[in-house]
């Protein structure tokens, strides 16, 4: 139960953070020029985005939960099991960001899920 809960927090924190940062960066837009002034302006806009900070917080929660998980779980289980974040990422991209995922991408997500299941059984 402890492992499952920690793994859930790792996946939810990491994926939630990635989705939130993606949302923030789509609000900000692309960085077109890599001059120091453009980069600093881009960074300043990012630091003013609430979604950016929410994403950073969630990524930190996911990272420290992963450290906790690795302190007692076998790395041969923990790291492959965190690949379930690809499933959560696909769902988050579709449901929260409105992205279109092709059938090929869904097939890839299904294969990752199958791989995680095989690791969990072994």
C-alpha atoms as a PDB file:
ATOM      1  CA  UNK A   1       0.000   0.000   0.000  1.00  0.00           C
ATOM      2  CA  UNK A   2       2.813   2.404   0.901  1.00  0.00           C
ATOM      3  CA  UNK A   3       4.590   1.748  -2.393  1.00  0.00           C
ATOM      4  CA  UNK A   4       1.420   2.234  -4.421  1.00  0.00           C
ATOM      5  CA  UNK A   5       0.596   5.503  -2.650  1.00  0.00           C
ATOM      6  CA  UNK A   6       4.106   6.871  -3.097  1.00  0.00           C
ATOM      7  CA  UNK A   7       4.156   5.808  -6.745  1.00  0.00           C
ATOM      8  CA  UNK A   8       0.796   7.535  -7.239  1.00  0.00           C
ATOM      9  CA  UNK A   9       2.195  10.784  -5.771  1.00  0.00           C
ATOM     10  CA  UNK A  10       5.312  10.520  -7.971  1.00  0.00           C
ATOM     11  CA  UNK A  11       3.236  10.045 -11.117  1.00  0.00           C
ATOM     12  CA  UNK A  12       0.603  12.633 -10.262  1.00  0.00           C
ATOM     13  CA  UNK A  13       3.163  15.214  -9.113  1.00  0.00           C
ATOM     14  CA  UNK A  14       5.484  14.772 -12.050  1.00  0.00           C
ATOM     15  CA  UNK A  15       2.795  14.634 -14.707  1.00  0.00           C
ATOM     16  CA  UNK A  16       0.720  17.376 -13.118  1.00  0.00           C
ATOM     17  CA  UNK A  17       3.813  19.558 -12.995  1.00  0.00           C
ATOM     18  CA  UNK A  18       4.666  18.900 -16.616  1.00  0.00           C
ATOM     19  CA  UNK A  19       1.109  19.670 -17.738  1.00  0.00           C
ATOM     20  CA  UNK A  20       0.997  22.873 -15.659  1.00  0.00           C
ATOM     21  CA  UNK A  21       4.360  24.096 -16.981  1.00  0.00           C
ATOM     22  CA  UNK A  22       3.265  23.247 -20.530  1.00  0.00           C
ATOM     23  CA  UNK A  23       0.090  25.264 -20.025  1.00  0.00           C
ATOM     24  CA  UNK A  24       2.125  28.216 -18.740  1.00  0.00           C
ATOM     25  CA  UNK A  25       4.583  28.053 -21.616  1.00  0.00           C
ATOM     26  CA  UNK A  26       1.771  27.949 -24.172  1.00  0.00           C
ATOM     27  CA  UNK A  27       0.378  31.100 -22.544  1.00  0.00           C
ATOM     28  CA  UNK A  28       3.772  32.800 -22.823  1.00  0.00           C
ATOM     29  CA  UNK A  29       4.560  31.722 -26.358  1.00  0.00           C
ATOM     30  CA  UNK A  30       7.754  30.722 -28.103  1.00  0.00           C
ATOM     31  CA  UNK A  31      11.180  32.203 -27.640  1.00  0.00           C
ATOM     32  CA  UNK A  32      12.123  33.294 -31.162  1.00  0.00           C
ATOM     33  CA  UNK A  33      15.472  34.986 -30.565  1.00  0.00           C
ATOM     34  CA  UNK A  34      18.188  33.814 -28.244  1.00  0.00           C
ATOM     35  CA  UNK A  35      19.656  37.219 -27.490  1.00  0.00           C
ATOM     36  CA  UNK A  36      20.254  37.927 -23.799  1.00  0.00           C
ATOM     37  CA  UNK A  37      17.468  40.539 -23.748  1.00  0.00           C
ATOM     38  CA  UNK A  38      14.929  38.126 -25.319  1.00  0.00           C
ATOM     39  CA  UNK A  39      15.860  35.305 -22.975  1.00  0.00           C
ATOM     40  CA  UNK A  40      15.585  37.536 -19.890  1.00  0.00           C
ATOM     41  CA  UNK A  41      12.237  38.899 -21.071  1.00  0.00           C
ATOM     42  CA  UNK A  42      10.989  35.373 -21.697  1.00  0.00           C
ATOM     43  CA  UNK A  43      12.154  34.267 -18.252  1.00  0.00           C
ATOM     44  CA  UNK A  44      10.492  37.266 -16.612  1.00  0.00           C
ATOM     45  CA  UNK A  45       7.180  36.389 -18.296  1.00  0.00           C
ATOM     46  CA  UNK A  46       7.502  32.778 -17.175  1.00  0.00           C
ATOM     47  CA  UNK A  47       8.155  33.792 -13.583  1.00  0.00           C
ATOM     48  CA  UNK A  48       4.954  35.856 -13.560  1.00  0.00           C
ATOM     49  CA  UNK A  49       2.810  32.885 -14.665  1.00  0.00           C
ATOM     50  CA  UNK A  50       0.882  31.194 -11.845  1.00  0.00           C
ATOM     51  CA  UNK A  51       0.712  27.924 -13.785  1.00  0.00           C
ATOM     52  CA  UNK A  52       4.501  27.935 -14.049  1.00  0.00           C
ATOM     53  CA  UNK A  53       4.881  28.098 -10.268  1.00  0.00           C
ATOM     54  CA  UNK A  54       2.164  25.489  -9.727  1.00  0.00           C
ATOM     55  CA  UNK A  55       4.043  23.212 -12.109  1.00  0.00           C
ATOM     56  CA  UNK A  56       7.348  23.769 -10.334  1.00  0.00           C
ATOM     57  CA  UNK A  57       5.692  22.907  -7.012  1.00  0.00           C
ATOM     58  CA  UNK A  58       4.136  19.740  -8.382  1.00  0.00           C
ATOM     59  CA  UNK A  59       7.416  18.686 -10.002  1.00  0.00           C
ATOM     60  CA  UNK A  60       9.169  19.163  -6.652  1.00  0.00           C
ATOM     61  CA  UNK A  61       6.548  17.011  -4.908  1.00  0.00           C
ATOM     62  CA  UNK A  62       7.013  14.323  -7.563  1.00  0.00           C
ATOM     63  CA  UNK A  63      10.804  14.460  -7.270  1.00  0.00           C
ATOM     64  CA  UNK A  64      10.923  14.208  -3.493  1.00  0.00           C
ATOM     65  CA  UNK A  65       8.343  11.428  -3.543  1.00  0.00           C
ATOM     66  CA  UNK A  66      10.571   9.564  -5.998  1.00  0.00           C
ATOM     67  CA  UNK A  67      13.498   9.977  -3.613  1.00  0.00           C
ATOM     68  CA  UNK A  68      11.344   8.571  -0.825  1.00  0.00           C
ATOM     69  CA  UNK A  69      10.237   5.663  -3.014  1.00  0.00           C
ATOM     70  CA  UNK A  70      13.828   4.866  -3.938  1.00  0.00           C
ATOM     71  CA  UNK A  71      14.814   4.782  -0.255  1.00  0.00           C
ATOM     72  CA  UNK A  72      12.939   1.496   0.262  1.00  0.00           C
ATOM     73  CA  UNK A  73      11.741   0.091  -3.065  1.00  0.00           C
ATOM     74  CA  UNK A  74      13.868  -1.814  -5.548  1.00  0.00           C
ATOM     75  CA  UNK A  75      15.098   0.496  -8.281  1.00  0.00           C
ATOM     76  CA  UNK A  76      14.368  -2.266 -10.800  1.00  0.00           C
ATOM     77  CA  UNK A  77      10.687  -1.832  -9.897  1.00  0.00           C
ATOM     78  CA  UNK A  78      10.471   1.862  -9.026  1.00  0.00           C
ATOM     79  CA  UNK A  79      11.953   3.377 -12.179  1.00  0.00           C
ATOM     80  CA  UNK A  80       9.983   1.272 -14.678  1.00  0.00           C
ATOM     81  CA  UNK A  81       6.797   1.794 -12.641  1.00  0.00           C
ATOM     82  CA  UNK A  82       7.193   5.557 -12.886  1.00  0.00           C
ATOM     83  CA  UNK A  83       6.794   5.105 -16.644  1.00  0.00           C
ATOM     84  CA  UNK A  84       3.081   5.147 -15.884  1.00  0.00           C
ATOM     85  CA  UNK A  85       3.552   8.905 -16.001  1.00  0.00           C
ATOM     86  CA  UNK A  86       3.444   8.483 -19.798  1.00  0.00           C
ATOM     87  CA  UNK A  87      -0.133   7.245 -19.439  1.00  0.00           C
ATOM     88  CA  UNK A  88      -1.030  10.129 -17.137  1.00  0.00           C
ATOM     89  CA  UNK A  89       0.753  12.521 -19.505  1.00  0.00           C
ATOM     90  CA  UNK A  90      -1.264  11.323 -22.464  1.00  0.00           C
ATOM     91  CA  UNK A  91      -4.494  11.692 -20.534  1.00  0.00           C
ATOM     92  CA  UNK A  92      -3.479  15.121 -19.224  1.00  0.00           C
ATOM     93  CA  UNK A  93      -2.493  16.289 -22.688  1.00  0.00           C
ATOM     94  CA  UNK A  94      -5.826  15.166 -24.091  1.00  0.00           C
ATOM     95  CA  UNK A  95      -8.167  16.182 -21.275  1.00  0.00           C
ATOM     96  CA  UNK A  96      -6.487  19.278 -19.850  1.00  0.00           C
ATOM     97  CA  UNK A  97      -4.541  20.742 -22.752  1.00  0.00           C
ATOM     98  CA  UNK A  98      -6.893  19.653 -25.536  1.00  0.00           C
ATOM     99  CA  UNK A  99      -4.121  18.020 -27.553  1.00  0.00           C
ATOM    100  CA  UNK A 100      -4.932  15.466 -30.227  1.00  0.00           C
ATOM    101  CA  UNK A 101      -3.175  12.143 -29.715  1.00  0.00           C
ATOM    102  CA  UNK A 102      -2.915   9.913 -32.744  1.00  0.00           C
ATOM    103  CA  UNK A 103      -3.780   6.219 -32.537  1.00  0.00           C
ATOM    104  CA  UNK A 104      -0.064   5.494 -32.856  1.00  0.00           C
ATOM    105  CA  UNK A 105       0.664   7.530 -29.720  1.00  0.00           C
ATOM    106  CA  UNK A 106      -2.115   5.756 -27.830  1.00  0.00           C
ATOM    107  CA  UNK A 107      -0.600   2.440 -28.965  1.00  0.00           C
ATOM    108  CA  UNK A 108       2.762   3.543 -27.593  1.00  0.00           C
ATOM    109  CA  UNK A 109       1.143   4.467 -24.284  1.00  0.00           C
ATOM    110  CA  UNK A 110      -0.533   1.057 -24.191  1.00  0.00           C
ATOM    111  CA  UNK A 111       2.814  -0.664 -24.796  1.00  0.00           C
ATOM    112  CA  UNK A 112       4.398   1.304 -21.954  1.00  0.00           C
ATOM    113  CA  UNK A 113       1.528   0.209 -19.708  1.00  0.00           C
ATOM    114  CA  UNK A 114       2.060  -3.398 -20.727  1.00  0.00           C
ATOM    115  CA  UNK A 115       5.768  -3.074 -19.920  1.00  0.00           C
ATOM    116  CA  UNK A 116       4.990  -1.669 -16.466  1.00  0.00           C
ATOM    117  CA  UNK A 117       2.585  -4.554 -15.849  1.00  0.00           C
ATOM    118  CA  UNK A 118       5.286  -7.066 -16.779  1.00  0.00           C
ATOM    119  CA  UNK A 119       7.763  -5.425 -14.414  1.00  0.00           C
ATOM    120  CA  UNK A 120       5.178  -5.404 -11.606  1.00  0.00           C
ATOM    121  CA  UNK A 121       4.459  -9.125 -12.103  1.00  0.00           C
ATOM    122  CA  UNK A 122       8.128 -10.053 -12.045  1.00  0.00           C
END
